[in-house]
Structure formats: C-alpha cells, structure tokens
All heavy atoms as atom14 arrays in JSON, in Angstrom:
{
  "sequence": "AHVSVAAEGTAAKGGYAVVDFKVPNERDNASTTKVEVTFPTDHPLA",
  "atom14_mask": [
    [1, 1, 1, 1, 1, 0, 0, 0, 0, 0, 0, 0, 0, 0],
    [1, 1, 1, 1, 1, 1, 1, 1, 1, 1, 0, 0, 0, 0],
    [1, 1, 1, 1, 1, 1, 1, 0, 0, 0, 0, 0, 0, 0],
    [1, 1, 1, 1, 1, 1, 0, 0, 0, 0, 0, 0, 0, 0],
    [1, 1, 1, 1, 1, 1, 1, 0, 0, 0, 0, 0, 0, 0],
    [1, 1, 1, 1, 1, 0, 0, 0, 0, 0, 0, 0, 0, 0],
    [1, 1, 1, 1, 1, 0, 0, 0, 0, 0, 0, 0, 0, 0],
    [1, 1, 1, 1, 1, 1, 1, 1, 1, 0, 0, 0, 0, 0],
    [1, 1, 1, 1, 0, 0, 0, 0, 0, 0, 0, 0, 0, 0],
    [1, 1, 1, 1, 1, 1, 1, 0, 0, 0, 0, 0, 0, 0],
    [1, 1, 1, 1, 1, 0, 0, 0, 0, 0, 0, 0, 0, 0],
    [1, 1, 1, 1, 1, 0, 0, 0, 0, 0, 0, 0, 0, 0],
    [1, 1, 1, 1, 1, 1, 1, 1, 1, 0, 0, 0, 0, 0],
    [1, 1, 1, 1, 0, 0, 0, 0, 0, 0, 0, 0, 0, 0],
    [1, 1, 1, 1, 0, 0, 0, 0, 0, 0, 0, 0, 0, 0],
    [1, 1, 1, 1, 1, 1, 1, 1, 1, 1, 1, 1, 0, 0],
    [1, 1, 1, 1, 1, 0, 0, 0, 0, 0, 0, 0, 0, 0],
    [1, 1, 1, 1, 1, 1, 1, 0, 0, 0, 0, 0, 0, 0],
    [1, 1, 1, 1, 1, 1, 1, 0, 0, 0, 0, 0, 0, 0],
    [1, 1, 1, 1, 1, 1, 1, 1, 0, 0, 0, 0, 0, 0],
    [1, 1, 1, 1, 1, 1, 1, 1, 1, 1, 1, 0, 0, 0],
    [1, 1, 1, 1, 1, 1, 1, 1, 1, 0, 0, 0, 0, 0],
    [1, 1, 1, 1, 1, 1, 1, 0, 0, 0, 0, 0, 0, 0],
    [1, 1, 1, 1, 1, 1, 1, 0, 0, 0, 0, 0, 0, 0],
    [1, 1, 1, 1, 1, 1, 1, 1, 0, 0, 0, 0, 0, 0],
    [1, 1, 1, 1, 1, 1, 1, 1, 1, 0, 0, 0, 0, 0],
    [1, 1, 1, 1, 1, 1, 1, 1, 1, 1, 1, 0, 0, 0],
    [1, 1, 1, 1, 1, 1, 1, 1, 0, 0, 0, 0, 0, 0],
    [1, 1, 1, 1, 1, 1, 1, 1, 0, 0, 0, 0, 0, 0],
    [1, 1, 1, 1, 1, 0, 0, 0, 0, 0, 0, 0, 0, 0],
    [1, 1, 1, 1, 1, 1, 0, 0, 0, 0, 0, 0, 0, 0],
    [1, 1, 1, 1, 1, 1, 1, 0, 0, 0, 0, 0, 0, 0],
    [1, 1, 1, 1, 1, 1, 1, 0, 0, 0, 0, 0, 0, 0],
    [1, 1, 1, 1, 1, 1, 1, 1, 1, 0, 0, 0, 0, 0],
    [1, 1, 1, 1, 1, 1, 1, 0, 0, 0, 0, 0, 0, 0],
    [1, 1, 1, 1, 1, 1, 1, 1, 1, 0, 0, 0, 0, 0],
    [1, 1, 1, 1, 1, 1, 1, 0, 0, 0, 0, 0, 0, 0],
    [1, 1, 1, 1, 1, 1, 1, 0, 0, 0, 0, 0, 0, 0],
    [1, 1, 1, 1, 1, 1, 1, 1, 1, 1, 1, 0, 0, 0],
    [1, 1, 1, 1, 1, 1, 1, 0, 0, 0, 0, 0, 0, 0],
    [1, 1, 1, 1, 1, 1, 1, 0, 0, 0, 0, 0, 0, 0],
    [1, 1, 1, 1, 1, 1, 1, 1, 0, 0, 0, 0, 0, 0],
    [1, 1, 1, 1, 1, 1, 1, 1, 1, 1, 0, 0, 0, 0],
    [1, 1, 1, 1, 1, 1, 1, 0, 0, 0, 0, 0, 0, 0],
    [1, 1, 1, 1, 1, 1, 1, 1, 0, 0, 0, 0, 0, 0],
    [1, 1, 1, 1, 1, 0, 0, 0, 0, 0, 0, 0, 0, 0]
  ],
  "atom14_positions": [
    [[-133.54, -163.13, -137.12], [-133.69, -161.73, -136.62], [-133.82, -161.76, -135.19], [-133.94, -162.87, -134.5], [-134.84, -161.02, -137.28], [0.0, 0.0, 0.0], [0.0, 0.0, 0.0], [0.0, 0.0, 0.0], [0.0, 0.0, 0.0], [0.0, 0.0, 0.0], [0.0, 0.0, 0.0], [0.0, 0.0, 0.0], [0.0, 0.0, 0.0], [0.0, 0.0, 0.0]],
    [[-133.68, -160.6, -134.43], [-133.8, -160.51, -133.03], [-134.96, -159.72, -132.58], [-135.56, -159.02, -133.4], [-132.55, -159.84, -132.54], [-131.27, -160.52, -132.92], [-130.04, -159.8, -133.11], [-130.92, -161.85, -133.09], [-129.17, -160.64, -133.47], [-129.6, -161.97, -133.42], [0.0, 0.0, 0.0], [0.0, 0.0, 0.0], [0.0, 0.0, 0.0], [0.0, 0.0, 0.0]],
    [[-135.41, -159.96, -131.37], [-136.48, -159.1, -130.84], [-135.79, -157.74, -130.61], [-134.75, -157.66, -130.11], [-136.97, -159.63, -129.49], [-137.83, -158.59, -128.81], [-137.68, -160.95, -129.65], [0.0, 0.0, 0.0], [0.0, 0.0, 0.0], [0.0, 0.0, 0.0], [0.0, 0.0, 0.0], [0.0, 0.0, 0.0], [0.0, 0.0, 0.0], [0.0, 0.0, 0.0]],
    [[-136.48, -156.69, -131.08], [-135.85, -155.33, -131.09], [-136.93, -154.39, -130.66], [-138.2, -154.67, -130.52], [-135.39, -154.96, -132.52], [-136.51, -155.04, -133.45], [0.0, 0.0, 0.0], [0.0, 0.0, 0.0], [0.0, 0.0, 0.0], [0.0, 0.0, 0.0], [0.0, 0.0, 0.0], [0.0, 0.0, 0.0], [0.0, 0.0, 0.0], [0.0, 0.0, 0.0]],
    [[-136.54, -153.13, -130.39], [-137.37, -152.06, -129.96], [-136.93, -150.75, -130.77], [-135.72, -150.51, -130.85], [-137.36, -151.82, -128.39], [-135.96, -151.46, -128.04], [-138.35, -150.77, -128.03], [0.0, 0.0, 0.0], [0.0, 0.0, 0.0], [0.0, 0.0, 0.0], [0.0, 0.0, 0.0], [0.0, 0.0, 0.0], [0.0, 0.0, 0.0], [0.0, 0.0, 0.0]],
    [[-137.91, -149.96, -131.12], [-137.58, -148.8, -131.83], [-138.84, -147.84, -131.6], [-139.97, -148.22, -131.45], [-137.48, -148.98, -133.38], [0.0, 0.0, 0.0], [0.0, 0.0, 0.0], [0.0, 0.0, 0.0], [0.0, 0.0, 0.0], [0.0, 0.0, 0.0], [0.0, 0.0, 0.0], [0.0, 0.0, 0.0], [0.0, 0.0, 0.0], [0.0, 0.0, 0.0]],
    [[-138.51, -146.52, -131.62], [-139.47, -145.54, -131.29], [-140.14, -145.17, -132.59], [-139.6, -145.15, -133.72], [-138.76, -144.24, -130.72], [0.0, 0.0, 0.0], [0.0, 0.0, 0.0], [0.0, 0.0, 0.0], [0.0, 0.0, 0.0], [0.0, 0.0, 0.0], [0.0, 0.0, 0.0], [0.0, 0.0, 0.0], [0.0, 0.0, 0.0], [0.0, 0.0, 0.0]],
    [[-141.42, -144.8, -132.46], [-142.2, -144.23, -133.63], [-141.93, -142.77, -133.67], [-142.62, -141.98, -133.09], [-143.69, -144.51, -133.5], [-144.02, -146.06, -133.48], [-145.53, -146.24, -133.37], [-146.32, -145.28, -133.39], [-145.95, -147.44, -133.37], [0.0, 0.0, 0.0], [0.0, 0.0, 0.0], [0.0, 0.0, 0.0], [0.0, 0.0, 0.0], [0.0, 0.0, 0.0]],
    [[-140.91, -142.4, -134.28], [-140.47, -140.97, -134.24], [-139.21, -140.83, -133.46], [-138.3, -141.62, -133.63], [0.0, 0.0, 0.0], [0.0, 0.0, 0.0], [0.0, 0.0, 0.0], [0.0, 0.0, 0.0], [0.0, 0.0, 0.0], [0.0, 0.0, 0.0], [0.0, 0.0, 0.0], [0.0, 0.0, 0.0], [0.0, 0.0, 0.0], [0.0, 0.0, 0.0]],
    [[-139.23, -139.94, -132.43], [-138.09, -139.72, -131.58], [-138.42, -140.01, -130.13], [-139.37, -139.58, -129.64], [-137.58, -138.3, -131.77], [-137.3, -137.89, -133.11], [-136.39, -137.97, -130.86], [0.0, 0.0, 0.0], [0.0, 0.0, 0.0], [0.0, 0.0, 0.0], [0.0, 0.0, 0.0], [0.0, 0.0, 0.0], [0.0, 0.0, 0.0], [0.0, 0.0, 0.0]],
    [[-137.44, -140.67, -129.48], [-137.55, -140.92, -128.04], [-136.68, -139.94, -127.33], [-135.46, -140.15, -127.15], [-137.22, -142.33, -127.74], [0.0, 0.0, 0.0], [0.0, 0.0, 0.0], [0.0, 0.0, 0.0], [0.0, 0.0, 0.0], [0.0, 0.0, 0.0], [0.0, 0.0, 0.0], [0.0, 0.0, 0.0], [0.0, 0.0, 0.0], [0.0, 0.0, 0.0]],
    [[-137.22, -138.8, -127.06], [-136.41, -137.65, -126.4], [-136.26, -137.86, -124.86], [-137.35, -138.18, -124.13], [-136.97, -136.38, -126.84], [0.0, 0.0, 0.0], [0.0, 0.0, 0.0], [0.0, 0.0, 0.0], [0.0, 0.0, 0.0], [0.0, 0.0, 0.0], [0.0, 0.0, 0.0], [0.0, 0.0, 0.0], [0.0, 0.0, 0.0], [0.0, 0.0, 0.0]],
    [[-135.16, -137.57, -124.31], [-135.08, -137.51, -122.88], [-135.95, -136.58, -122.25], [-136.12, -135.48, -122.71], [-133.61, -137.17, -122.51], [-132.56, -138.17, -123.07], [-131.15, -137.61, -122.72], [-130.04, -138.68, -123.28], [-128.68, -138.17, -122.96], [0.0, 0.0, 0.0], [0.0, 0.0, 0.0], [0.0, 0.0, 0.0], [0.0, 0.0, 0.0], [0.0, 0.0, 0.0]],
    [[-136.58, -137.03, -121.14], [-137.46, -136.19, -120.43], [-138.85, -136.12, -120.93], [-139.72, -135.44, -120.44], [0.0, 0.0, 0.0], [0.0, 0.0, 0.0], [0.0, 0.0, 0.0], [0.0, 0.0, 0.0], [0.0, 0.0, 0.0], [0.0, 0.0, 0.0], [0.0, 0.0, 0.0], [0.0, 0.0, 0.0], [0.0, 0.0, 0.0], [0.0, 0.0, 0.0]],
    [[-139.1, -136.79, -122.03], [-140.47, -136.82, -122.66], [-141.11, -138.09, -122.78], [-140.83, -139.02, -122.08], [0.0, 0.0, 0.0], [0.0, 0.0, 0.0], [0.0, 0.0, 0.0], [0.0, 0.0, 0.0], [0.0, 0.0, 0.0], [0.0, 0.0, 0.0], [0.0, 0.0, 0.0], [0.0, 0.0, 0.0], [0.0, 0.0, 0.0], [0.0, 0.0, 0.0]],
    [[-142.16, -138.22, -123.65], [-142.86, -139.4, -123.8], [-142.7, -139.9, -125.2], [-142.35, -139.14, -126.17], [-144.33, -139.15, -123.72], [-144.78, -138.95, -122.28], [-144.59, -137.71, -121.62], [-145.37, -139.97, -121.55], [-144.96, -137.5, -120.28], [-145.72, -139.74, -120.24], [-145.55, -138.52, -119.61], [-145.94, -138.37, -118.34], [0.0, 0.0, 0.0], [0.0, 0.0, 0.0]],
    [[-142.84, -141.21, -125.51], [-142.66, -141.71, -126.81], [-143.57, -143.0, -126.86], [-143.9, -143.71, -125.92], [-141.22, -142.02, -127.08], [0.0, 0.0, 0.0], [0.0, 0.0, 0.0], [0.0, 0.0, 0.0], [0.0, 0.0, 0.0], [0.0, 0.0, 0.0], [0.0, 0.0, 0.0], [0.0, 0.0, 0.0], [0.0, 0.0, 0.0], [0.0, 0.0, 0.0]],
    [[-143.89, -143.26, -128.16], [-144.45, -144.58, -128.5], [-143.44, -145.42, -129.19], [-142.75, -145.03, -130.08], [-145.7, -144.44, -129.41], [-146.27, -145.75, -129.89], [-146.81, -143.62, -128.79], [0.0, 0.0, 0.0], [0.0, 0.0, 0.0], [0.0, 0.0, 0.0], [0.0, 0.0, 0.0], [0.0, 0.0, 0.0], [0.0, 0.0, 0.0], [0.0, 0.0, 0.0]],
    [[-143.23, -146.65, -128.57], [-142.21, -147.46, -129.05], [-142.76, -148.82, -129.57], [-143.83, -149.24, -129.02], [-141.07, -147.74, -128.08], [-140.35, -146.35, -127.59], [-141.52, -148.54, -126.87], [0.0, 0.0, 0.0], [0.0, 0.0, 0.0], [0.0, 0.0, 0.0], [0.0, 0.0, 0.0], [0.0, 0.0, 0.0], [0.0, 0.0, 0.0], [0.0, 0.0, 0.0]],
    [[-142.18, -149.47, -130.44], [-142.67, -150.83, -130.88], [-141.67, -151.88, -130.53], [-140.47, -151.82, -130.9], [-142.89, -150.8, -132.42], [-143.95, -149.8, -132.85], [-144.94, -149.74, -132.1], [-143.81, -149.21, -133.92], [0.0, 0.0, 0.0], [0.0, 0.0, 0.0], [0.0, 0.0, 0.0], [0.0, 0.0, 0.0], [0.0, 0.0, 0.0], [0.0, 0.0, 0.0]],
    [[-142.06, -152.9, -129.85], [-141.34, -154.1, -129.62], [-141.6, -155.05, -130.87], [-142.68, -155.49, -130.96], [-141.67, -154.75, -128.31], [-141.13, -153.96, -127.14], [-141.99, -153.17, -126.49], [-139.9, -154.0, -126.65], [-141.61, -152.37, -125.38], [-139.47, -153.33, -125.57], [-140.27, -152.37, -124.97], [0.0, 0.0, 0.0], [0.0, 0.0, 0.0], [0.0, 0.0, 0.0]],
    [[-140.64, -155.3, -131.64], [-140.76, -156.14, -132.83], [-140.31, -157.51, -132.63], [-139.11, -157.76, -132.23], [-140.0, -155.54, -134.02], [-140.17, -156.35, -135.32], [-139.39, -155.56, -136.49], [-139.55, -156.4, -137.78], [-138.75, -155.67, -138.83], [0.0, 0.0, 0.0], [0.0, 0.0, 0.0], [0.0, 0.0, 0.0], [0.0, 0.0, 0.0], [0.0, 0.0, 0.0]],
    [[-141.23, -158.5, -132.74], [-140.89, -159.94, -132.38], [-141.1, -160.67, -133.63], [-142.2, -160.98, -134.06], [-141.84, -160.42, -131.26], [-141.52, -161.82, -130.81], [-141.78, -159.53, -130.13], [0.0, 0.0, 0.0], [0.0, 0.0, 0.0], [0.0, 0.0, 0.0], [0.0, 0.0, 0.0], [0.0, 0.0, 0.0], [0.0, 0.0, 0.0], [0.0, 0.0, 0.0]],
    [[-140.06, -161.26, -134.18], [-140.13, -162.17, -135.41], [-140.27, -163.64, -134.93], [-139.76, -163.95, -133.89], [-138.8, -161.94, -136.03], [-137.86, -161.6, -134.95], [-138.59, -160.89, -133.92], [0.0, 0.0, 0.0], [0.0, 0.0, 0.0], [0.0, 0.0, 0.0], [0.0, 0.0, 0.0], [0.0, 0.0, 0.0], [0.0, 0.0, 0.0], [0.0, 0.0, 0.0]],
    [[-140.83, -164.37, -135.71], [-140.9, -165.84, -135.42], [-139.75, -166.51, -136.14], [-139.74, -166.48, -137.38], [-142.26, -166.46, -135.88], [-142.45, -167.94, -135.42], [-141.46, -168.66, -135.3], [-143.73, -168.21, -135.05], [0.0, 0.0, 0.0], [0.0, 0.0, 0.0], [0.0, 0.0, 0.0], [0.0, 0.0, 0.0], [0.0, 0.0, 0.0], [0.0, 0.0, 0.0]],
    [[-138.83, -167.1, -135.4], [-137.6, -167.64, -135.99], [-137.71, -169.14, -136.21], [-136.73, -169.84, -136.49], [-136.36, -167.29, -135.12], [-136.11, -165.87, -135.07], [-134.84, -165.49, -134.35], [-134.57, -166.2, -133.27], [-134.04, -164.71, -134.71], [0.0, 0.0, 0.0], [0.0, 0.0, 0.0], [0.0, 0.0, 0.0], [0.0, 0.0, 0.0], [0.0, 0.0, 0.0]],
    [[-138.92, -169.75, -135.93], [-139.06, -171.18, -136.11], [-140.0, -171.51, -137.24], [-140.94, -170.74, -137.46], [-139.67, -171.82, -134.82], [-138.7, -171.55, -133.66], [-137.33, -172.27, -133.71], [-136.55, -171.97, -132.6], [-135.63, -171.05, -132.51], [-135.44, -170.27, -133.53], [-134.82, -170.88, -131.37], [0.0, 0.0, 0.0], [0.0, 0.0, 0.0], [0.0, 0.0, 0.0]],
    [[-139.7, -172.62, -137.98], [-140.6, -172.95, -139.13], [-141.6, -174.02, -138.68], [-142.49, -174.48, -139.55], [-139.81, -173.43, -140.29], [-138.88, -174.63, -139.98], [-139.03, -175.15, -138.8], [-138.05, -174.96, -140.73], [0.0, 0.0, 0.0], [0.0, 0.0, 0.0], [0.0, 0.0, 0.0], [0.0, 0.0, 0.0], [0.0, 0.0, 0.0], [0.0, 0.0, 0.0]],
    [[-141.68, -174.41, -137.37], [-142.64, -175.44, -136.96], [-143.28, -175.16, -135.73], [-143.86, -176.04, -135.05], [-141.85, -176.78, -136.89], [-140.66, -176.73, -135.79], [-140.4, -175.57, -135.4], [-140.08, -177.8, -135.49], [0.0, 0.0, 0.0], [0.0, 0.0, 0.0], [0.0, 0.0, 0.0], [0.0, 0.0, 0.0], [0.0, 0.0, 0.0], [0.0, 0.0, 0.0]],
    [[-143.3, -173.89, -135.37], [-143.99, -173.44, -134.06], [-144.38, -172.0, -134.17], [-143.79, -171.23, -134.91], [-143.06, -173.7, -132.87], [0.0, 0.0, 0.0], [0.0, 0.0, 0.0], [0.0, 0.0, 0.0], [0.0, 0.0, 0.0], [0.0, 0.0, 0.0], [0.0, 0.0, 0.0], [0.0, 0.0, 0.0], [0.0, 0.0, 0.0], [0.0, 0.0, 0.0]],
    [[-145.27, -171.64, -133.44], [-145.87, -170.24, -133.34], [-145.52, -169.59, -131.94], [-145.5, -170.33, -130.94], [-147.32, -170.17, -133.45], [-147.66, -170.64, -134.85], [0.0, 0.0, 0.0], [0.0, 0.0, 0.0], [0.0, 0.0, 0.0], [0.0, 0.0, 0.0], [0.0, 0.0, 0.0], [0.0, 0.0, 0.0], [0.0, 0.0, 0.0], [0.0, 0.0, 0.0]],
    [[-145.21, -168.33, -132.0], [-144.96, -167.62, -130.76], [-146.26, -167.24, -130.12], [-147.11, -166.62, -130.68], [-144.11, -166.22, -131.06], [-142.87, -166.62, -131.57], [-143.96, -165.51, -129.69], [0.0, 0.0, 0.0], [0.0, 0.0, 0.0], [0.0, 0.0, 0.0], [0.0, 0.0, 0.0], [0.0, 0.0, 0.0], [0.0, 0.0, 0.0], [0.0, 0.0, 0.0]],
    [[-146.47, -167.65, -128.91], [-147.67, -167.43, -128.15], [-147.6, -166.61, -126.97], [-148.64, -166.18, -126.31], [-148.36, -168.77, -127.76], [-147.36, -169.56, -126.96], [-148.65, -169.6, -128.94], [0.0, 0.0, 0.0], [0.0, 0.0, 0.0], [0.0, 0.0, 0.0], [0.0, 0.0, 0.0], [0.0, 0.0, 0.0], [0.0, 0.0, 0.0], [0.0, 0.0, 0.0]],
    [[-146.35, -166.21, -126.59], [-146.18, -165.4, -125.47], [-144.9, -164.55, -125.49], [-143.92, -165.04, -125.84], [-146.15, -166.24, -124.07], [-146.11, -165.47, -122.73], [-146.12, -166.47, -121.67], [-146.1, -165.77, -120.24], [-146.04, -166.71, -119.18], [0.0, 0.0, 0.0], [0.0, 0.0, 0.0], [0.0, 0.0, 0.0], [0.0, 0.0, 0.0], [0.0, 0.0, 0.0]],
    [[-145.06, -163.28, -125.13], [-143.85, -162.35, -125.12], [-143.83, -161.63, -123.83], [-144.92, -160.94, -123.48], [-143.98, -161.39, -126.36], [-142.78, -160.35, -126.24], [-143.9, -162.13, -127.61], [0.0, 0.0, 0.0], [0.0, 0.0, 0.0], [0.0, 0.0, 0.0], [0.0, 0.0, 0.0], [0.0, 0.0, 0.0], [0.0, 0.0, 0.0], [0.0, 0.0, 0.0]],
    [[-142.67, -161.65, -123.11], [-142.56, -160.89, -121.9], [-141.49, -159.89, -122.04], [-140.34, -160.3, -122.41], [-142.25, -161.93, -120.73], [-143.34, -162.93, -120.49], [-142.82, -163.98, -119.53], [-142.79, -163.73, -118.32], [-142.35, -165.02, -119.96], [0.0, 0.0, 0.0], [0.0, 0.0, 0.0], [0.0, 0.0, 0.0], [0.0, 0.0, 0.0], [0.0, 0.0, 0.0]],
    [[-141.74, -158.64, -121.65], [-140.7, -157.65, -121.73], [-140.48, -157.09, -120.29], [-141.43, -156.53, -119.69], [-141.08, -156.57, -122.69], [-140.01, -155.41, -122.7], [-141.19, -157.02, -124.15], [0.0, 0.0, 0.0], [0.0, 0.0, 0.0], [0.0, 0.0, 0.0], [0.0, 0.0, 0.0], [0.0, 0.0, 0.0], [0.0, 0.0, 0.0], [0.0, 0.0, 0.0]],
    [[-139.28, -157.18, -119.87], [-138.91, -156.66, -118.5], [-138.37, -155.17, -118.66], [-137.54, -154.94, -119.52], [-137.88, -157.48, -117.82], [-138.38, -158.82, -117.69], [-137.53, -156.9, -116.52], [0.0, 0.0, 0.0], [0.0, 0.0, 0.0], [0.0, 0.0, 0.0], [0.0, 0.0, 0.0], [0.0, 0.0, 0.0], [0.0, 0.0, 0.0], [0.0, 0.0, 0.0]],
    [[-138.93, -154.25, -117.91], [-138.51, -152.87, -117.93], [-137.4, -152.61, -117.0], [-137.28, -153.27, -115.91], [-139.73, -151.97, -117.72], [-140.69, -151.88, -118.86], [-141.42, -153.11, -119.18], [-140.81, -150.77, -119.64], [-142.33, -153.02, -120.27], [-141.62, -150.72, -120.68], [-142.4, -151.9, -120.97], [0.0, 0.0, 0.0], [0.0, 0.0, 0.0], [0.0, 0.0, 0.0]],
    [[-136.41, -151.67, -117.37], [-135.31, -151.37, -116.61], [-135.66, -150.83, -115.14], [-136.52, -149.97, -115.02], [-134.53, -150.34, -117.35], [-135.57, -149.68, -118.24], [-136.56, -150.75, -118.58], [0.0, 0.0, 0.0], [0.0, 0.0, 0.0], [0.0, 0.0, 0.0], [0.0, 0.0, 0.0], [0.0, 0.0, 0.0], [0.0, 0.0, 0.0], [0.0, 0.0, 0.0]],
    [[-135.01, -151.36, -114.16], [-135.15, -150.96, -112.74], [-134.28, -149.76, -112.43], [-134.55, -149.08, -111.47], [-134.95, -152.16, -111.78], [-133.66, -152.62, -112.0], [-135.98, -153.15, -112.06], [0.0, 0.0, 0.0], [0.0, 0.0, 0.0], [0.0, 0.0, 0.0], [0.0, 0.0, 0.0], [0.0, 0.0, 0.0], [0.0, 0.0, 0.0], [0.0, 0.0, 0.0]],
    [[-133.1, -149.68, -113.24], [-132.23, -148.53, -112.84], [-132.77, -147.22, -113.39], [-132.35, -146.09, -112.88], [-130.82, -148.81, -113.41], [-130.83, -149.1, -114.87], [-131.94, -149.49, -115.46], [-129.78, -149.1, -115.59], [0.0, 0.0, 0.0], [0.0, 0.0, 0.0], [0.0, 0.0, 0.0], [0.0, 0.0, 0.0], [0.0, 0.0, 0.0], [0.0, 0.0, 0.0]],
    [[-133.66, -147.28, -114.31], [-134.26, -146.04, -114.89], [-135.85, -146.43, -115.06], [-136.31, -146.57, -116.11], [-133.74, -145.65, -116.22], [-132.31, -145.23, -116.15], [-131.24, -146.16, -116.45], [-131.68, -144.09, -115.8], [-130.22, -145.5, -116.31], [-130.41, -144.25, -115.91], [0.0, 0.0, 0.0], [0.0, 0.0, 0.0], [0.0, 0.0, 0.0], [0.0, 0.0, 0.0]],
    [[-136.5, -146.41, -113.89], [-137.95, -146.84, -113.94], [-138.81, -145.82, -114.66], [-138.56, -144.67, -114.73], [-138.29, -146.95, -112.43], [-137.39, -145.92, -111.79], [-136.07, -146.02, -112.54], [0.0, 0.0, 0.0], [0.0, 0.0, 0.0], [0.0, 0.0, 0.0], [0.0, 0.0, 0.0], [0.0, 0.0, 0.0], [0.0, 0.0, 0.0], [0.0, 0.0, 0.0]],
    [[-139.86, -146.28, -115.25], [-140.86, -145.56, -116.03], [-142.22, -145.63, -115.32], [-142.73, -146.66, -115.13], [-141.02, -146.09, -117.48], [-139.7, -146.1, -118.25], [-139.79, -146.92, -119.59], [-139.2, -144.64, -118.64], [0.0, 0.0, 0.0], [0.0, 0.0, 0.0], [0.0, 0.0, 0.0], [0.0, 0.0, 0.0], [0.0, 0.0, 0.0], [0.0, 0.0, 0.0]],
    [[-142.67, -144.47, -115.01], [-144.01, -144.33, -114.21], [-145.15, -144.65, -115.09], [-146.18, -145.13, -114.64], [-144.14, -142.97, -113.52], [0.0, 0.0, 0.0], [0.0, 0.0, 0.0], [0.0, 0.0, 0.0], [0.0, 0.0, 0.0], [0.0, 0.0, 0.0], [0.0, 0.0, 0.0], [0.0, 0.0, 0.0], [0.0, 0.0, 0.0], [0.0, 0.0, 0.0]]
  ]
}
C-alpha cells in the first residue's frame, strides 16, 4: 500500500477540513518510527 491522504468528510475549496495521512508499514522486519509530510508551497496553508 502507499502513504495516502483523505478528508474526514469533504475538503471544500475555501474552507477547512480534517484530513488523515494514512501510513502503512510495508516491511515485515522493521517498524516505522518517523513520518515527514511536506506541504505544498504553490498553495500554502496558513
């Protein structure tokens, strides 16, 4: 699976939303200990 993002409900333009970044562990011999998400600079979020 891939790291993905989805809104809890609707992510409407001009509004606010709660989104979930879903991170699966794709390894059978290691644990995920760090996740970094870079936010878009062409459409910054205050």
